[in-house]
Amino acid sequence: MARSDGELILVAGGAGFIGSHLTLRLLSEGHQVLCLDNLQTARSSNLRLLEGRPGFRFVEGDIVNPLPTAVTEQAHRITRIYNLACAASPPQYQADPEHTMLTNVVGTHHLLRLAEQARARFLLTSTSEVYGDPEVHPQREDYRGSTSCTGPRACYDEGKRAAEALTFDYARMNRAEVRVARIFNTYGPNMHPDDGRVVSNLICQALSDRPITIYGDGSQTRSFCYVSDLVDGLIRLMESDIDGTEPVNLGNPLELTVGDLADRIVAMTGTRNALVHRPLPQDDPRRRRPDITRARDLLGWSPRVSLDEGLAKTCAWFAEELAVEREAVAAE
């Protein structure tokens, strides 16, 4: 991407877990970034990492509502729009399912209209959840999925499917140049300790005095991608010359059970906390593994950070964060 002082990249959800890493990467490459976030699920420390950096500007706003003037008045400068604005963990997106659905549909519509006005390239971060509890394994982009449109996860799963449909319709009508990434489980620093995702749950429990919780018997599988690899894939996709009318899986094809993940974290942290099994949540996928052939062929992308390396970095980061929290509580 050619850089110019007059060009601007909009990152909706730029203070969130993945969004903060993406914003930092773009800033490090010399881009100007306008971060739009309602701070619903973002950690305040993520925003502090970004504020004061050259080229960064923050605007608080919710994409469900009409976009703030501070964003629309910059439309003539915006060349890229990344849409990462949505709660992504089940406890967070189920806490306000109406808002989750509206964020995916109405919010995506607002950003697509901005992309059309600005003639900016638009990237939607969709999710592997569009595959539901898959009947095809591993999951290829041409698999249509097995989701429940009536269950508690539908606000997110069906919301993302609708956001994809809207995005591809804009492409077919030549109203915007688009890209769609289907993101599989991602982990790393800047995660919220209480977001309910399996990696953050297990690490925080292992580093504290809480029992380590495994839902179901632990035989369900996931594929975990370290956040720096995911960000690299997003940027490659945004800057690729593909026509944008097909989604691209971004994730690590290394598949392991949740029980295996727990064992690795227990060994890495040295915890002696007890393991506790809880019922598997409704509609929780039994297997999840991406087929990344399309990403390899079209983007030259594949993950580089091994699971052990990524988990070690994430455990170290959480250990520091939890130590700071304990010091703050002790000082009160």
C-alpha atoms as a PDB file:
ATOM      1  CA  MET A   1       0.000   0.000   0.000  1.00  0.00           C
ATOM      2  CA  ALA A   2       1.420   3.364  -1.022  1.00  0.00           C
ATOM      3  CA  ARG A   3       1.559   5.689   1.965  1.00  0.00           C
ATOM      4  CA  SER A   4       0.765   9.356   1.933  1.00  0.00           C
ATOM      5  CA  ASP A   5       0.365  11.940   4.671  1.00  0.00           C
ATOM      6  CA  GLY A   6      -3.110  12.620   3.336  1.00  0.00           C
ATOM      7  CA  GLU A   7      -4.318   9.010   3.498  1.00  0.00           C
ATOM      8  CA  LEU A   8      -6.117   7.538   6.474  1.00  0.00           C
ATOM      9  CA  ILE A   9      -7.066   4.018   7.574  1.00  0.00           C
ATOM     10  CA  LEU A  10     -10.233   3.546   9.613  1.00  0.00           C
ATOM     11  CA  VAL A  11     -10.216   0.640  12.078  1.00  0.00           C
ATOM     12  CA  ALA A  12     -13.629   0.078  13.627  1.00  0.00           C
ATOM     13  CA  GLY A  13     -13.123  -1.837  16.855  1.00  0.00           C
ATOM     14  CA  GLY A  14      -9.514  -0.685  16.893  1.00  0.00           C
ATOM     15  CA  ALA A  15      -9.238  -0.689  20.694  1.00  0.00           C
ATOM     16  CA  GLY A  16     -10.292  -4.334  21.022  1.00  0.00           C
ATOM     17  CA  PHE A  17      -8.097  -7.413  21.243  1.00  0.00           C
ATOM     18  CA  ILE A  18      -7.305  -7.984  17.565  1.00  0.00           C
ATOM     19  CA  GLY A  19      -8.048  -4.372  16.622  1.00  0.00           C
ATOM     20  CA  SER A  20      -5.385  -2.972  18.939  1.00  0.00           C
ATOM     21  CA  HIS A  21      -2.749  -5.281  17.466  1.00  0.00           C
ATOM     22  CA  LEU A  22      -3.804  -4.351  13.930  1.00  0.00           C
ATOM     23  CA  THR A  23      -3.718  -0.644  14.766  1.00  0.00           C
ATOM     24  CA  LEU A  24      -0.249  -0.929  16.296  1.00  0.00           C
ATOM     25  CA  ARG A  25       1.014  -2.766  13.203  1.00  0.00           C
ATOM     26  CA  LEU A  26      -0.419  -0.140  10.843  1.00  0.00           C
ATOM     27  CA  LEU A  27       1.034   2.708  12.917  1.00  0.00           C
ATOM     28  CA  SER A  28       4.444   1.003  12.983  1.00  0.00           C
ATOM     29  CA  GLU A  29       4.366   0.939   9.184  1.00  0.00           C
ATOM     30  CA  GLY A  30       3.853   4.699   9.093  1.00  0.00           C
ATOM     31  CA  HIS A  31       0.114   4.838   8.400  1.00  0.00           C
ATOM     32  CA  GLN A  32      -2.357   7.239   9.934  1.00  0.00           C
ATOM     33  CA  VAL A  33      -5.096   5.378  11.771  1.00  0.00           C
ATOM     34  CA  LEU A  34      -8.505   6.563  12.893  1.00  0.00           C
ATOM     35  CA  CYS A  35      -9.738   4.201  15.601  1.00  0.00           C
ATOM     36  CA  LEU A  36     -13.515   4.042  16.082  1.00  0.00           C
ATOM     37  CA  ASP A  37     -14.656   2.065  19.120  1.00  0.00           C
ATOM     38  CA  ASN A  38     -17.554   2.131  21.582  1.00  0.00           C
ATOM     39  CA  LEU A  39     -15.282   0.598  24.271  1.00  0.00           C
ATOM     40  CA  GLN A  40     -17.946  -2.005  25.066  1.00  0.00           C
ATOM     41  CA  THR A  41     -15.457  -4.871  25.262  1.00  0.00           C
ATOM     42  CA  ALA A  42     -12.116  -3.092  24.812  1.00  0.00           C
ATOM     43  CA  ARG A  43      -9.672  -2.905  27.694  1.00  0.00           C
ATOM     44  CA  SER A  44      -8.692   0.630  28.702  1.00  0.00           C
ATOM     45  CA  SER A  45      -5.051  -0.457  28.703  1.00  0.00           C
ATOM     46  CA  ASN A  46      -5.331  -1.299  24.997  1.00  0.00           C
ATOM     47  CA  LEU A  47      -6.311   2.280  24.273  1.00  0.00           C
ATOM     48  CA  ARG A  48      -3.481   3.609  26.446  1.00  0.00           C
ATOM     49  CA  LEU A  49      -1.019   1.606  24.320  1.00  0.00           C
ATOM     50  CA  LEU A  50      -2.208   3.497  21.259  1.00  0.00           C
ATOM     51  CA  GLU A  51      -2.798   7.031  22.490  1.00  0.00           C
ATOM     52  CA  GLY A  52       0.015   9.477  21.869  1.00  0.00           C
ATOM     53  CA  ARG A  53       1.525   7.504  19.005  1.00  0.00           C
ATOM     54  CA  PRO A  54       2.191   9.494  15.824  1.00  0.00           C
ATOM     55  CA  GLY A  55      -0.641   9.142  13.323  1.00  0.00           C
ATOM     56  CA  PHE A  56      -3.201   7.809  15.820  1.00  0.00           C
ATOM     57  CA  ARG A  57      -6.588   9.356  16.548  1.00  0.00           C
ATOM     58  CA  PHE A  58      -9.385   7.880  18.638  1.00  0.00           C
ATOM     59  CA  VAL A  59     -13.099   8.537  18.182  1.00  0.00           C
ATOM     60  CA  GLU A  60     -15.571   6.996  20.610  1.00  0.00           C
ATOM     61  CA  GLY A  61     -18.684   5.837  18.806  1.00  0.00           C
ATOM     62  CA  ASP A  62     -20.960   2.887  18.109  1.00  0.00           C
ATOM     63  CA  ILE A  63     -21.382   1.783  14.493  1.00  0.00           C
ATOM     64  CA  VAL A  64     -24.977   0.803  15.235  1.00  0.00           C
ATOM     65  CA  ASN A  65     -25.651   4.556  15.308  1.00  0.00           C
ATOM     66  CA  PRO A  66     -24.953   6.995  12.469  1.00  0.00           C
ATOM     67  CA  LEU A  67     -21.196   7.379  12.195  1.00  0.00           C
ATOM     68  CA  PRO A  68     -19.733  10.293  14.181  1.00  0.00           C
ATOM     69  CA  THR A  69     -19.007  13.520  12.329  1.00  0.00           C
ATOM     70  CA  ALA A  70     -15.365  13.132  13.354  1.00  0.00           C
ATOM     71  CA  VAL A  71     -15.317  10.082  11.055  1.00  0.00           C
ATOM     72  CA  THR A  72     -17.506  11.184   8.155  1.00  0.00           C
ATOM     73  CA  GLU A  73     -15.739  14.518   7.793  1.00  0.00           C
ATOM     74  CA  GLN A  74     -12.556  12.544   7.073  1.00  0.00           C
ATOM     75  CA  ALA A  75     -14.168  10.420   4.327  1.00  0.00           C
ATOM     76  CA  HIS A  76     -12.163  12.142   1.584  1.00  0.00           C
ATOM     77  CA  ARG A  77      -8.954  10.889   3.228  1.00  0.00           C
ATOM     78  CA  ILE A  78      -9.975   7.338   4.094  1.00  0.00           C
ATOM     79  CA  THR A  79      -8.522   4.703   1.761  1.00  0.00           C
ATOM     80  CA  ARG A  80      -9.023   1.539   3.837  1.00  0.00           C
ATOM     81  CA  ILE A  81     -11.748   0.463   6.284  1.00  0.00           C
ATOM     82  CA  TYR A  82     -11.269  -2.520   8.585  1.00  0.00           C
ATOM     83  CA  ASN A  83     -14.464  -3.632  10.351  1.00  0.00           C
ATOM     84  CA  LEU A  84     -13.577  -5.455  13.575  1.00  0.00           C
ATOM     85  CA  ALA A  85     -16.388  -3.895  15.605  1.00  0.00           C
ATOM     86  CA  CYS A  86     -18.293  -6.615  17.437  1.00  0.00           C
ATOM     87  CA  ALA A  87     -18.102  -8.515  20.697  1.00  0.00           C
ATOM     88  CA  ALA A  88     -16.548 -11.858  19.775  1.00  0.00           C
ATOM     89  CA  SER A  89     -16.755 -14.158  22.804  1.00  0.00           C
ATOM     90  CA  PRO A  90     -20.026 -15.942  23.683  1.00  0.00           C
ATOM     91  CA  PRO A  91     -20.506 -14.375  27.157  1.00  0.00           C
ATOM     92  CA  GLN A  92     -19.983 -10.902  25.704  1.00  0.00           C
ATOM     93  CA  TYR A  93     -22.104 -11.162  22.576  1.00  0.00           C
ATOM     94  CA  GLN A  94     -24.884 -13.053  24.380  1.00  0.00           C
ATOM     95  CA  ALA A  95     -25.080 -10.377  27.098  1.00  0.00           C
ATOM     96  CA  ASP A  96     -26.828  -8.055  24.620  1.00  0.00           C
ATOM     97  CA  PRO A  97     -27.878 -10.180  21.634  1.00  0.00           C
ATOM     98  CA  GLU A  98     -29.906  -7.398  20.028  1.00  0.00           C
ATOM     99  CA  HIS A  99     -26.896  -5.101  19.980  1.00  0.00           C
ATOM    100  CA  THR A 100     -24.708  -7.913  18.633  1.00  0.00           C
ATOM    101  CA  MET A 101     -27.052  -8.518  15.699  1.00  0.00           C
ATOM    102  CA  LEU A 102     -27.411  -4.793  14.974  1.00  0.00           C
ATOM    103  CA  THR A 103     -23.645  -4.293  15.131  1.00  0.00           C
ATOM    104  CA  ASN A 104     -23.158  -6.944  12.482  1.00  0.00           C
ATOM    105  CA  VAL A 105     -25.950  -5.824  10.166  1.00  0.00           C
ATOM    106  CA  VAL A 106     -26.671  -2.131  10.728  1.00  0.00           C
ATOM    107  CA  GLY A 107     -23.085  -1.333  11.707  1.00  0.00           C
ATOM    108  CA  THR A 108     -21.644  -3.099   8.682  1.00  0.00           C
ATOM    109  CA  HIS A 109     -24.138  -1.234   6.496  1.00  0.00           C
ATOM    110  CA  HIS A 110     -22.984   2.111   7.896  1.00  0.00           C
ATOM    111  CA  LEU A 111     -19.352   1.280   7.196  1.00  0.00           C
ATOM    112  CA  LEU A 112     -20.102  -0.015   3.705  1.00  0.00           C
ATOM    113  CA  ARG A 113     -21.923   3.222   2.912  1.00  0.00           C
ATOM    114  CA  LEU A 114     -18.845   5.099   4.095  1.00  0.00           C
ATOM    115  CA  ALA A 115     -16.613   2.895   1.920  1.00  0.00           C
ATOM    116  CA  GLU A 116     -18.836   3.641  -1.068  1.00  0.00           C
ATOM    117  CA  GLN A 117     -18.713   7.372  -0.387  1.00  0.00           C
ATOM    118  CA  ALA A 118     -14.965   7.417   0.221  1.00  0.00           C
ATOM    119  CA  ARG A 119     -14.167   4.887  -2.522  1.00  0.00           C
ATOM    120  CA  ALA A 120     -12.208   3.057   0.147  1.00  0.00           C
ATOM    121  CA  ARG A 121     -11.435  -0.650   0.218  1.00  0.00           C
ATOM    122  CA  PHE A 122     -13.480  -2.426   2.900  1.00  0.00           C
ATOM    123  CA  LEU A 123     -12.522  -5.524   4.906  1.00  0.00           C
ATOM    124  CA  LEU A 124     -15.069  -7.384   7.020  1.00  0.00           C
ATOM    125  CA  THR A 125     -13.760  -9.610   9.781  1.00  0.00           C
ATOM    126  CA  SER A 126     -16.211 -12.469   9.751  1.00  0.00           C
ATOM    127  CA  THR A 127     -15.776 -15.653  11.752  1.00  0.00           C
ATOM    128  CA  SER A 128     -15.467 -19.413  11.673  1.00  0.00           C
ATOM    129  CA  GLU A 129     -18.753 -19.387  13.612  1.00  0.00           C
ATOM    130  CA  VAL A 130     -20.550 -19.087  10.258  1.00  0.00           C
ATOM    131  CA  TYR A 131     -19.748 -22.804   9.860  1.00  0.00           C
ATOM    132  CA  GLY A 132     -21.644 -23.604  13.074  1.00  0.00           C
ATOM    133  CA  ASP A 133     -21.182 -27.128  14.409  1.00  0.00           C
ATOM    134  CA  PRO A 134     -19.628 -28.331  11.148  1.00  0.00           C
ATOM    135  CA  GLU A 135     -20.573 -31.475   9.292  1.00  0.00           C
ATOM    136  CA  VAL A 136     -17.556 -31.009   6.969  1.00  0.00           C
ATOM    137  CA  HIS A 137     -14.029 -31.189   8.359  1.00  0.00           C
ATOM    138  CA  PRO A 138     -11.757 -29.309   7.949  1.00  0.00           C
ATOM    139  CA  GLN A 139     -13.853 -26.299   6.971  1.00  0.00           C
ATOM    140  CA  ARG A 140     -13.396 -24.871   3.477  1.00  0.00           C
ATOM    141  CA  GLU A 141     -14.801 -21.537   2.405  1.00  0.00           C
ATOM    142  CA  ASP A 142     -17.314 -23.214   0.080  1.00  0.00           C
ATOM    143  CA  TYR A 143     -18.889 -25.118   2.989  1.00  0.00           C
ATOM    144  CA  ARG A 144     -22.252 -23.477   3.765  1.00  0.00           C
ATOM    145  CA  GLY A 145     -22.259 -24.353   7.434  1.00  0.00           C
ATOM    146  CA  SER A 146     -24.554 -25.952  10.001  1.00  0.00           C
ATOM    147  CA  THR A 147     -25.770 -23.169  12.285  1.00  0.00           C
ATOM    148  CA  SER A 148     -28.815 -22.695  14.467  1.00  0.00           C
ATOM    149  CA  CYS A 149     -30.768 -19.547  13.654  1.00  0.00           C
ATOM    150  CA  THR A 150     -32.804 -19.853  16.863  1.00  0.00           C
ATOM    151  CA  GLY A 151     -30.207 -20.653  19.537  1.00  0.00           C
ATOM    152  CA  PRO A 152     -28.321 -18.342  21.917  1.00  0.00           C
ATOM    153  CA  ARG A 153     -25.351 -18.028  19.538  1.00  0.00           C
ATOM    154  CA  ALA A 154     -27.507 -16.968  16.584  1.00  0.00           C
ATOM    155  CA  CYS A 155     -27.104 -13.245  17.266  1.00  0.00           C
ATOM    156  CA  TYR A 156     -23.411 -13.611  16.422  1.00  0.00           C
ATOM    157  CA  ASP A 157     -23.379 -16.518  13.953  1.00  0.00           C
ATOM    158  CA  GLU A 158     -26.327 -15.317  11.883  1.00  0.00           C
ATOM    159  CA  GLY A 159     -25.298 -11.686  12.324  1.00  0.00           C
ATOM    160  CA  LYS A 160     -21.937 -12.411  10.718  1.00  0.00           C
ATOM    161  CA  ARG A 161     -23.561 -14.423   7.928  1.00  0.00           C
ATOM    162  CA  ALA A 162     -25.849 -11.460   7.203  1.00  0.00           C
ATOM    163  CA  ALA A 163     -22.875  -9.078   7.305  1.00  0.00           C
ATOM    164  CA  GLU A 164     -21.100 -11.239   4.733  1.00  0.00           C
ATOM    165  CA  ALA A 165     -24.172 -11.269   2.478  1.00  0.00           C
ATOM    166  CA  LEU A 166     -24.445  -7.488   2.645  1.00  0.00           C
ATOM    167  CA  THR A 167     -20.732  -7.041   1.967  1.00  0.00           C
ATOM    168  CA  PHE A 168     -20.762  -9.323  -1.069  1.00  0.00           C
ATOM    169  CA  ASP A 169     -23.902  -7.608  -2.386  1.00  0.00           C
ATOM    170  CA  TYR A 170     -22.032  -4.286  -2.325  1.00  0.00           C
ATOM    171  CA  ALA A 171     -19.248  -5.943  -4.334  1.00  0.00           C
ATOM    172  CA  ARG A 172     -21.655  -7.461  -6.867  1.00  0.00           C
ATOM    173  CA  MET A 173     -23.335  -4.083  -7.356  1.00  0.00           C
ATOM    174  CA  ASN A 174     -19.920  -2.430  -7.799  1.00  0.00           C
ATOM    175  CA  ARG A 175     -20.645  -0.128  -4.879  1.00  0.00           C
ATOM    176  CA  ALA A 176     -17.510  -1.004  -2.926  1.00  0.00           C
ATOM    177  CA  GLU A 177     -14.291  -2.970  -3.221  1.00  0.00           C
ATOM    178  CA  VAL A 178     -14.431  -5.571  -0.463  1.00  0.00           C
ATOM    179  CA  ARG A 179     -12.553  -8.330   1.308  1.00  0.00           C
ATOM    180  CA  VAL A 180     -13.967 -10.860   3.815  1.00  0.00           C
ATOM    181  CA  ALA A 181     -11.844 -12.760   6.339  1.00  0.00           C
ATOM    182  CA  ARG A 182     -13.263 -15.694   8.285  1.00  0.00           C
ATOM    183  CA  ILE A 183     -11.268 -15.673  11.489  1.00  0.00           C
ATOM    184  CA  PHE A 184     -10.725 -18.844  13.527  1.00  0.00           C
ATOM    185  CA  ASN A 185      -9.794 -18.903  17.234  1.00  0.00           C
ATOM    186  CA  THR A 186      -7.148 -16.262  17.911  1.00  0.00           C
ATOM    187  CA  TYR A 187      -5.212 -15.618  21.118  1.00  0.00           C
ATOM    188  CA  GLY A 188      -2.403 -13.486  22.500  1.00  0.00           C
ATOM    189  CA  PRO A 189      -1.673 -10.394  24.628  1.00  0.00           C
ATOM    190  CA  ASN A 190      -4.355  -7.685  25.008  1.00  0.00           C
ATOM    191  CA  MET A 191      -7.134 -10.227  25.546  1.00  0.00           C
ATOM    192  CA  HIS A 192      -9.633  -9.400  28.264  1.00  0.00           C
ATOM    193  CA  PRO A 193      -9.132 -11.715  31.269  1.00  0.00           C
ATOM    194  CA  ASP A 194     -12.891 -12.153  31.677  1.00  0.00           C
ATOM    195  CA  ASP A 195     -13.955 -12.419  28.046  1.00  0.00           C
ATOM    196  CA  GLY A 196     -14.895 -16.083  28.356  1.00  0.00           C
ATOM    197  CA  ARG A 197     -12.626 -17.394  25.605  1.00  0.00           C
ATOM    198  CA  VAL A 198     -11.007 -20.729  26.318  1.00  0.00           C
ATOM    199  CA  VAL A 199      -7.351 -19.569  26.205  1.00  0.00           C
ATOM    200  CA  SER A 200      -7.828 -16.570  28.490  1.00  0.00           C
ATOM    201  CA  ASN A 201     -10.055 -18.611  30.827  1.00  0.00           C
ATOM    202  CA  LEU A 202      -7.574 -21.429  31.233  1.00  0.00           C
ATOM    203  CA  ILE A 203      -4.512 -19.200  31.616  1.00  0.00           C
ATOM    204  CA  CYS A 204      -6.113 -16.846  34.136  1.00  0.00           C
ATOM    205  CA  GLN A 205      -7.459 -19.763  36.156  1.00  0.00           C
ATOM    206  CA  ALA A 206      -4.066 -21.460  36.108  1.00  0.00           C
ATOM    207  CA  LEU A 207      -2.333 -18.277  37.301  1.00  0.00           C
ATOM    208  CA  SER A 208      -4.819 -17.715  40.121  1.00  0.00           C
ATOM    209  CA  ASP A 209      -6.442 -19.802  42.840  1.00  0.00           C
ATOM    210  CA  ARG A 210      -9.484 -20.722  40.772  1.00  0.00           C
ATOM    211  CA  PRO A 211     -10.290 -24.243  39.528  1.00  0.00           C
ATOM    212  CA  ILE A 212      -9.506 -24.854  35.867  1.00  0.00           C
ATOM    213  CA  THR A 213     -12.814 -25.191  34.042  1.00  0.00           C
ATOM    214  CA  ILE A 214     -13.294 -27.504  31.078  1.00  0.00           C
ATOM    215  CA  TYR A 215     -16.661 -27.532  29.356  1.00  0.00           C
ATOM    216  CA  GLY A 216     -17.866 -30.949  28.271  1.00  0.00           C
ATOM    217  CA  ASP A 217     -15.368 -33.798  28.375  1.00  0.00           C
ATOM    218  CA  GLY A 218     -12.651 -31.709  26.705  1.00  0.00           C
ATOM    219  CA  SER A 219     -12.683 -33.747  23.501  1.00  0.00           C
ATOM    220  CA  GLN A 220     -14.029 -30.888  21.368  1.00  0.00           C
ATOM    221  CA  THR A 221     -11.329 -29.485  19.102  1.00  0.00           C
ATOM    222  CA  ARG A 222     -10.172 -25.998  18.193  1.00  0.00           C
ATOM    223  CA  SER A 223      -7.365 -24.477  16.117  1.00  0.00           C
ATOM    224  CA  PHE A 224      -5.548 -21.543  17.722  1.00  0.00           C
ATOM    225  CA  CYS A 225      -3.783 -18.776  15.796  1.00  0.00           C
ATOM    226  CA  TYR A 226      -1.436 -16.309  17.480  1.00  0.00           C
ATOM    227  CA  VAL A 227      -2.580 -12.732  17.039  1.00  0.00           C
ATOM    228  CA  SER A 228       0.478 -11.445  15.146  1.00  0.00           C
ATOM    229  CA  ASP A 229      -0.049 -14.127  12.486  1.00  0.00           C
ATOM    230  CA  LEU A 230      -3.716 -13.198  12.207  1.00  0.00           C
ATOM    231  CA  VAL A 231      -2.926  -9.496  11.799  1.00  0.00           C
ATOM    232  CA  ASP A 232      -0.428 -10.326   9.074  1.00  0.00           C
ATOM    233  CA  GLY A 233      -3.148 -12.267   7.267  1.00  0.00           C
ATOM    234  CA  LEU A 234      -5.636  -9.406   7.551  1.00  0.00           C
ATOM    235  CA  ILE A 235      -3.200  -6.909   6.057  1.00  0.00           C
ATOM    236  CA  ARG A 236      -2.205  -9.302   3.268  1.00  0.00           C
ATOM    237  CA  LEU A 237      -5.864  -9.835   2.457  1.00  0.00           C
ATOM    238  CA  MET A 238      -6.649  -6.121   2.464  1.00  0.00           C
ATOM    239  CA  GLU A 239      -3.733  -5.345   0.160  1.00  0.00           C
ATOM    240  CA  SER A 240      -4.177  -8.348  -2.137  1.00  0.00           C
ATOM    241  CA  ASP A 241      -5.277  -8.063  -5.767  1.00  0.00           C
ATOM    242  CA  ILE A 242      -8.019 -10.701  -5.461  1.00  0.00           C
ATOM    243  CA  ASP A 243     -11.470  -9.719  -6.700  1.00  0.00           C
ATOM    244  CA  GLY A 244     -12.875  -9.955  -3.171  1.00  0.00           C
ATOM    245  CA  THR A 245     -16.049 -11.861  -4.016  1.00  0.00           C
ATOM    246  CA  GLU A 246     -15.112 -14.915  -1.943  1.00  0.00           C
ATOM    247  CA  PRO A 247     -14.258 -15.221   1.776  1.00  0.00           C
ATOM    248  CA  VAL A 248     -10.816 -16.308   2.974  1.00  0.00           C
ATOM    249  CA  ASN A 249     -10.194 -18.460   6.050  1.00  0.00           C
ATOM    250  CA  LEU A 250      -7.522 -17.133   8.413  1.00  0.00           C
ATOM    251  CA  GLY A 251      -6.506 -19.480  11.198  1.00  0.00           C
ATOM    252  CA  ASN A 252      -4.020 -22.092  12.285  1.00  0.00           C
ATOM    253  CA  PRO A 253      -4.773 -25.559  10.857  1.00  0.00           C
ATOM    254  CA  LEU A 254      -3.126 -27.241  13.873  1.00  0.00           C
ATOM    255  CA  GLU A 255      -6.081 -28.951  15.582  1.00  0.00           C
ATOM    256  CA  LEU A 256      -6.072 -30.031  19.207  1.00  0.00           C
ATOM    257  CA  THR A 257      -8.609 -30.882  21.862  1.00  0.00           C
ATOM    258  CA  VAL A 258      -9.533 -28.454  24.606  1.00  0.00           C
ATOM    259  CA  GLY A 259      -8.273 -31.066  27.064  1.00  0.00           C
ATOM    260  CA  ASP A 260      -4.878 -31.055  25.347  1.00  0.00           C
ATOM    261  CA  LEU A 261      -4.812 -27.265  25.470  1.00  0.00           C
ATOM    262  CA  ALA A 262      -5.537 -27.369  29.212  1.00  0.00           C
ATOM    263  CA  ASP A 263      -2.736 -29.897  29.750  1.00  0.00           C
ATOM    264  CA  ARG A 264      -0.264 -27.642  27.930  1.00  0.00           C
ATOM    265  CA  ILE A 265      -1.241 -24.604  29.978  1.00  0.00           C
ATOM    266  CA  VAL A 266      -1.077 -26.572  33.233  1.00  0.00           C
ATOM    267  CA  ALA A 267       2.425 -27.785  32.370  1.00  0.00           C
ATOM    268  CA  MET A 268       3.534 -24.325  31.237  1.00  0.00           C
ATOM    269  CA  THR A 269       2.302 -22.521  34.354  1.00  0.00           C
ATOM    270  CA  GLY A 270       3.088 -25.261  36.871  1.00  0.00           C
ATOM    271  CA  THR A 271      -0.324 -24.873  38.465  1.00  0.00           C
ATOM    272  CA  ARG A 272      -1.771 -27.469  40.824  1.00  0.00           C
ATOM    273  CA  ASN A 273      -5.303 -26.115  40.578  1.00  0.00           C
ATOM    274  CA  ALA A 274      -8.026 -28.719  40.309  1.00  0.00           C
ATOM    275  CA  LEU A 275      -9.750 -29.399  36.994  1.00  0.00           C
ATOM    276  CA  VAL A 276     -13.534 -29.005  37.021  1.00  0.00           C
ATOM    277  CA  HIS A 277     -15.861 -30.124  34.224  1.00  0.00           C
ATOM    278  CA  ARG A 278     -18.983 -28.130  33.368  1.00  0.00           C
ATOM    279  CA  PRO A 279     -21.781 -28.865  30.867  1.00  0.00           C
ATOM    280  CA  LEU A 280     -21.005 -28.001  27.259  1.00  0.00           C
ATOM    281  CA  PRO A 281     -22.798 -24.778  26.211  1.00  0.00           C
ATOM    282  CA  GLN A 282     -25.696 -25.048  23.764  1.00  0.00           C
ATOM    283  CA  ASP A 283     -24.662 -25.188  20.089  1.00  0.00           C
ATOM    284  CA  ASP A 284     -20.971 -25.281  20.997  1.00  0.00           C
ATOM    285  CA  PRO A 285     -19.064 -26.668  17.955  1.00  0.00           C
ATOM    286  CA  ARG A 286     -17.562 -30.113  18.409  1.00  0.00           C
ATOM    287  CA  ARG A 287     -14.774 -29.660  15.848  1.00  0.00           C
ATOM    288  CA  ARG A 288     -13.106 -26.645  14.344  1.00  0.00           C
ATOM    289  CA  ARG A 289     -10.178 -26.555  11.926  1.00  0.00           C
ATOM    290  CA  PRO A 290      -9.628 -24.256   8.947  1.00  0.00           C
ATOM    291  CA  ASP A 291      -8.642 -25.285   5.473  1.00  0.00           C
ATOM    292  CA  ILE A 292      -6.262 -22.422   4.598  1.00  0.00           C
ATOM    293  CA  THR A 293      -5.448 -23.497   1.045  1.00  0.00           C
ATOM    294  CA  ARG A 294      -7.032 -20.328  -0.336  1.00  0.00           C
ATOM    295  CA  ALA A 295      -5.000 -18.079   2.003  1.00  0.00           C
ATOM    296  CA  ARG A 296      -1.791 -19.902   1.069  1.00  0.00           C
ATOM    297  CA  ASP A 297      -2.463 -19.739  -2.662  1.00  0.00           C
ATOM    298  CA  LEU A 298      -3.853 -16.196  -2.899  1.00  0.00           C
ATOM    299  CA  LEU A 299      -1.997 -14.410  -0.096  1.00  0.00           C
ATOM    300  CA  GLY A 300       1.129 -16.475   0.438  1.00  0.00           C
ATOM    301  CA  TRP A 301       0.039 -16.637   4.085  1.00  0.00           C
ATOM    302  CA  SER A 302       0.297 -19.292   6.742  1.00  0.00           C
ATOM    303  CA  PRO A 303       0.880 -19.082  10.516  1.00  0.00           C
ATOM    304  CA  ARG A 304       4.467 -18.881  11.721  1.00  0.00           C
ATOM    305  CA  VAL A 305       4.177 -18.756  15.523  1.00  0.00           C
ATOM    306  CA  SER A 306       4.009 -22.214  17.082  1.00  0.00           C
ATOM    307  CA  LEU A 307       1.395 -22.952  19.722  1.00  0.00           C
ATOM    308  CA  ASP A 308       3.992 -23.418  22.475  1.00  0.00           C
ATOM    309  CA  GLU A 309       5.697 -20.137  21.585  1.00  0.00           C
ATOM    310  CA  GLY A 310       2.412 -18.262  21.440  1.00  0.00           C
ATOM    311  CA  LEU A 311       1.116 -19.739  24.681  1.00  0.00           C
ATOM    312  CA  ALA A 312       4.369 -18.877  26.464  1.00  0.00           C
ATOM    313  CA  LYS A 313       4.083 -15.236  25.358  1.00  0.00           C
ATOM    314  CA  THR A 314       0.431 -15.103  26.335  1.00  0.00           C
ATOM    315  CA  CYS A 315       1.009 -16.680  29.748  1.00  0.00           C
ATOM    316  CA  ALA A 316       3.821 -14.215  30.453  1.00  0.00           C
ATOM    317  CA  TRP A 317       1.626 -11.280  29.463  1.00  0.00           C
ATOM    318  CA  PHE A 318      -1.290 -12.420  31.628  1.00  0.00           C
ATOM    319  CA  ALA A 319       1.062 -13.033  34.568  1.00  0.00           C
ATOM    320  CA  GLU A 320       2.209  -9.404  34.366  1.00  0.00           C
ATOM    321  CA  GLU A 321      -1.358  -8.108  34.026  1.00  0.00           C
ATOM    322  CA  LEU A 322      -2.619 -10.125  36.993  1.00  0.00           C
ATOM    323  CA  ALA A 323       0.341  -8.989  39.110  1.00  0.00           C
ATOM    324  CA  VAL A 324      -0.494  -5.352  38.356  1.00  0.00           C
ATOM    325  CA  GLU A 325      -4.124  -5.949  39.314  1.00  0.00           C
ATOM    326  CA  ARG A 326      -3.121  -7.562  42.622  1.00  0.00           C
ATOM    327  CA  GLU A 327      -0.839  -4.637  43.441  1.00  0.00           C
ATOM    328  CA  ALA A 328      -3.625  -2.176  42.678  1.00  0.00           C
ATOM    329  CA  VAL A 329      -6.054  -4.054  44.953  1.00  0.00           C
ATOM    330  CA  ALA A 330      -3.480  -4.254  47.758  1.00  0.00           C
ATOM    331  CA  ALA A 331      -2.869  -0.492  47.510  1.00  0.00           C
ATOM    332  CA  GLU A 332      -6.556   0.357  47.979  1.00  0.00           C
END
